[in-house]
Amino acid sequence: MSGQGSLAVILDVGNVLFTWDPRFLYERLIADDRALAAFLRDVVTPEWHFQHDAGRPFAETRAELTALFPEHAALIAAWGPRFNDSLGPPVGGMIALVEELDARGVPLFAITNFSGEFWGPFRQREAALFDRFRGIVVSGDEKLVKPDPAIYRLALDRFGLDAADTLFIDDRADNIAGAESVGMRGHHFTDAAALRAELAALELL
């Protein structure tokens, strides 16, 4: 069947469409495994990075972190200009799946926790894929982050969608819960095969 008139599909980006891990960047810069592990654990922590997703400028977070870890100033500075290096290859099977959905006319959107500063260069790098999307909400631009229900409501309003007519796909259970709290259908992403099976059951593929 055609995707026309069916559910709209809203995807997460990191670890759904593309692998993401700060290790991808810093293993190129720190040769010693123990030093690398310590840097990732103690310096560029998930809590520190989450500030970028929430809209804080890298210049501010860099200055604060460098004040705490001046010996790592150069490594911290690399985070911003080399952020694309922390994004690895596409998640297996997902590019083909997006292409199939688009070819069938299924409306594609995204909601991503991503720095607004870092999103532009990455969006440009992967334009062939993201040009298939009809709209993308970036948390850093909105200063709202998943799983806050407000970011899902903003996306629905901006995209002109009814929550009941959407399928939201994310690799984090808390983000799925946030989407379901506003009435979206959720799929907790594990791999492309499981997602493909659900999409087929929904007659989107």
Protein backbone atom coordinates (compact mmCIF):
# COMPACT_ATOMS: atom_id res chain seq x y z
CA MET A 1 0.00 0.00 0.00
CA SER A 2 1.04 3.60 -0.34
CA GLY A 3 2.21 5.53 2.69
CA GLN A 4 -0.09 8.40 1.70
CA GLY A 5 -2.65 9.04 4.42
CA SER A 6 -0.95 6.73 6.89
CA LEU A 7 1.08 7.40 10.02
CA ALA A 8 3.78 10.01 9.99
CA VAL A 9 7.14 8.71 11.19
CA ILE A 10 9.26 10.83 13.55
CA LEU A 11 12.80 9.63 14.14
CA ASP A 12 15.57 10.36 16.59
CA VAL A 13 19.00 10.89 14.98
CA GLY A 14 21.81 9.83 17.33
CA ASN A 15 22.09 6.03 17.63
CA VAL A 16 18.96 5.56 15.52
CA LEU A 17 20.09 6.95 12.17
CA PHE A 18 23.80 7.49 12.95
CA THR A 19 26.06 6.05 15.60
CA TRP A 20 27.31 8.63 18.08
CA ASP A 21 29.98 8.30 20.74
CA PRO A 22 32.56 10.86 21.95
CA ARG A 23 35.03 7.99 21.88
CA PHE A 24 34.99 8.12 18.06
CA LEU A 25 36.58 11.58 18.27
CA TYR A 26 38.89 11.20 21.23
CA GLU A 27 40.39 7.85 20.36
CA ARG A 28 42.00 9.76 17.47
CA LEU A 29 43.54 12.24 19.92
CA ILE A 30 44.43 10.15 22.99
CA ALA A 31 46.64 7.15 22.31
CA ASP A 32 46.65 5.60 25.79
CA ASP A 33 43.52 3.55 26.51
CA ARG A 34 43.48 4.29 30.23
CA ALA A 35 43.93 8.02 29.67
CA LEU A 36 41.16 7.94 27.08
CA ALA A 37 38.78 6.16 29.43
CA ALA A 38 39.53 8.61 32.24
CA PHE A 39 39.03 11.64 29.98
CA LEU A 40 35.67 10.39 28.72
CA ARG A 41 34.55 9.45 32.24
CA ASP A 42 35.72 12.53 34.15
CA VAL A 43 36.00 15.46 31.71
CA VAL A 44 33.63 15.39 28.72
CA THR A 45 30.83 13.76 30.69
CA PRO A 46 27.30 13.18 29.39
CA GLU A 47 26.07 15.83 31.84
CA TRP A 48 28.50 18.37 30.41
CA HIS A 49 27.53 17.61 26.82
CA PHE A 50 23.81 17.66 27.60
CA GLN A 51 24.13 21.41 28.15
CA HIS A 52 24.78 21.82 24.42
CA ASP A 53 21.64 19.85 23.58
CA ALA A 54 19.76 22.20 25.90
CA GLY A 55 21.03 25.25 24.03
CA ARG A 56 24.11 26.46 25.91
CA PRO A 57 26.87 27.82 23.63
CA PHE A 58 30.02 25.74 23.38
CA ALA A 59 32.13 28.83 24.10
CA GLU A 60 30.60 28.97 27.59
CA THR A 61 30.84 25.29 28.42
CA ARG A 62 34.35 25.10 27.02
CA ALA A 63 35.52 27.96 29.23
CA GLU A 64 33.98 26.42 32.34
CA LEU A 65 35.39 22.96 31.69
CA THR A 66 38.82 24.31 30.79
CA ALA A 67 38.91 26.18 34.10
CA LEU A 68 38.36 22.86 35.88
CA PHE A 69 40.77 20.86 33.70
CA PRO A 70 43.35 23.30 32.30
CA GLU A 71 45.69 20.44 31.47
CA HIS A 72 43.09 19.24 28.95
CA ALA A 73 42.43 22.61 27.30
CA ALA A 74 43.38 21.49 23.79
CA LEU A 75 41.31 18.32 23.98
CA ILE A 76 38.27 20.17 25.28
CA ALA A 77 38.65 22.78 22.54
CA ALA A 78 38.48 20.03 19.90
CA TRP A 79 34.93 19.09 20.89
CA GLY A 80 33.24 21.91 19.00
CA PRO A 81 35.04 22.15 15.65
CA ARG A 82 35.45 18.38 15.43
CA PHE A 83 32.01 17.35 16.68
CA ASN A 84 31.26 15.61 13.38
CA ASP A 85 34.08 13.20 14.21
CA SER A 86 32.03 11.93 17.16
CA LEU A 87 29.35 10.79 14.73
CA GLY A 88 30.21 7.44 13.23
CA PRO A 89 28.70 5.48 10.36
CA PRO A 90 24.96 5.09 9.83
CA VAL A 91 23.20 2.54 12.00
CA GLY A 92 22.98 -0.67 10.01
CA GLY A 93 20.00 -0.85 7.67
CA MET A 94 18.57 2.54 8.59
CA ILE A 95 19.49 4.58 5.52
CA ALA A 96 17.81 2.03 3.25
CA LEU A 97 14.77 1.97 5.51
CA VAL A 98 14.39 5.77 5.41
CA GLU A 99 14.78 5.72 1.64
CA GLU A 100 12.04 3.08 1.34
CA LEU A 101 9.67 5.03 3.56
CA ASP A 102 10.29 8.20 1.58
CA ALA A 103 9.76 6.38 -1.71
CA ARG A 104 6.38 5.17 -0.45
CA GLY A 105 5.32 8.68 0.48
CA VAL A 106 5.43 8.22 4.26
CA PRO A 107 5.88 11.66 5.87
CA LEU A 108 9.26 11.73 7.63
CA PHE A 109 10.23 14.05 10.48
CA ALA A 110 12.82 14.09 13.26
CA ILE A 111 13.20 15.29 16.83
CA THR A 112 16.81 15.27 17.99
CA ASN A 113 18.64 16.27 21.14
CA PHE A 114 21.49 18.06 19.39
CA SER A 115 23.39 21.32 19.79
CA GLY A 116 22.12 23.95 17.38
CA GLU A 117 25.73 24.96 16.73
CA PHE A 118 26.81 21.43 15.87
CA TRP A 119 23.66 20.48 13.94
CA GLY A 120 24.30 22.75 10.94
CA PRO A 121 27.62 21.17 9.87
CA PHE A 122 26.26 17.65 10.42
CA ARG A 123 23.00 18.38 8.55
CA GLN A 124 25.07 19.69 5.66
CA ARG A 125 27.32 16.63 5.67
CA GLU A 126 24.32 14.29 5.51
CA ALA A 127 22.09 16.42 3.28
CA ALA A 128 21.25 13.53 0.95
CA LEU A 129 19.46 11.81 3.83
CA PHE A 130 18.00 14.77 5.72
CA ASP A 131 16.60 16.36 2.56
CA ARG A 132 14.06 13.51 2.68
CA PHE A 133 12.66 14.87 5.95
CA ARG A 134 9.81 17.35 5.93
CA GLY A 135 10.82 18.91 9.24
CA ILE A 136 13.40 18.49 12.01
CA VAL A 137 13.18 19.88 15.55
CA VAL A 138 16.62 20.42 17.11
CA SER A 139 16.64 20.71 20.89
CA GLY A 140 19.51 23.18 21.07
CA ASP A 141 17.67 25.62 18.83
CA GLU A 142 14.45 25.33 20.83
CA LYS A 143 16.07 25.15 24.30
CA LEU A 144 13.82 22.18 24.98
CA VAL A 145 15.11 18.62 25.29
CA LYS A 146 13.62 15.17 25.16
CA PRO A 147 11.95 13.72 27.20
CA ASP A 148 10.25 17.03 28.15
CA PRO A 149 6.71 16.70 26.78
CA ALA A 150 6.96 20.30 25.55
CA ILE A 151 9.38 19.40 22.74
CA TYR A 152 6.99 16.79 21.36
CA ARG A 153 4.07 19.21 21.51
CA LEU A 154 6.17 21.84 19.73
CA ALA A 155 7.05 19.34 16.99
CA LEU A 156 3.44 18.26 16.50
CA ASP A 157 2.33 21.88 16.22
CA ARG A 158 5.13 22.85 13.86
CA PHE A 159 4.68 19.79 11.66
CA GLY A 160 0.88 20.07 11.66
CA LEU A 161 0.39 16.55 12.99
CA ASP A 162 -2.04 14.87 15.36
CA ALA A 163 -0.24 12.83 18.01
CA ALA A 164 -2.40 9.78 17.35
CA ASP A 165 -1.26 9.76 13.71
CA THR A 166 2.47 9.60 14.50
CA LEU A 167 5.03 6.90 15.25
CA PHE A 168 7.99 8.16 17.28
CA ILE A 169 11.22 6.14 17.17
CA ASP A 170 14.03 6.60 19.70
CA ASP A 171 16.72 4.45 21.31
CA ARG A 172 15.99 5.73 24.83
CA ALA A 173 13.03 4.45 26.84
CA ASP A 174 12.63 7.77 28.67
CA ASN A 175 12.31 9.62 25.37
CA ILE A 176 9.67 7.14 24.21
CA ALA A 177 7.78 7.67 27.46
CA GLY A 178 7.85 11.43 26.87
CA ALA A 179 6.38 11.00 23.40
CA GLU A 180 3.71 8.59 24.61
CA SER A 181 2.74 11.07 27.34
CA VAL A 182 1.47 13.46 24.65
CA GLY A 183 -0.36 10.71 22.75
CA MET A 184 2.22 9.55 20.20
CA ARG A 185 2.76 5.90 19.40
CA GLY A 186 6.30 4.89 20.42
CA HIS A 187 8.87 2.40 19.15
CA HIS A 188 11.88 1.78 21.40
CA PHE A 189 14.62 1.32 18.82
CA THR A 190 17.01 -1.60 19.11
CA ASP A 191 17.87 -2.34 15.48
CA ALA A 192 16.61 -1.85 11.95
CA ALA A 193 15.19 -5.38 11.69
CA ALA A 194 12.84 -4.93 14.65
CA LEU A 195 11.78 -1.51 13.41
CA ARG A 196 11.21 -2.86 9.92
CA ALA A 197 8.94 -5.56 11.36
CA GLU A 198 6.81 -2.99 13.16
CA LEU A 199 6.63 -0.72 10.12
CA ALA A 200 5.52 -3.69 8.03
CA ALA A 201 2.86 -4.57 10.60
CA LEU A 202 1.62 -0.99 10.36
CA GLU A 203 1.58 -1.33 6.56
CA LEU A 204 4.10 1.48 6.13
CA LEU A 205 6.46 -0.84 4.27
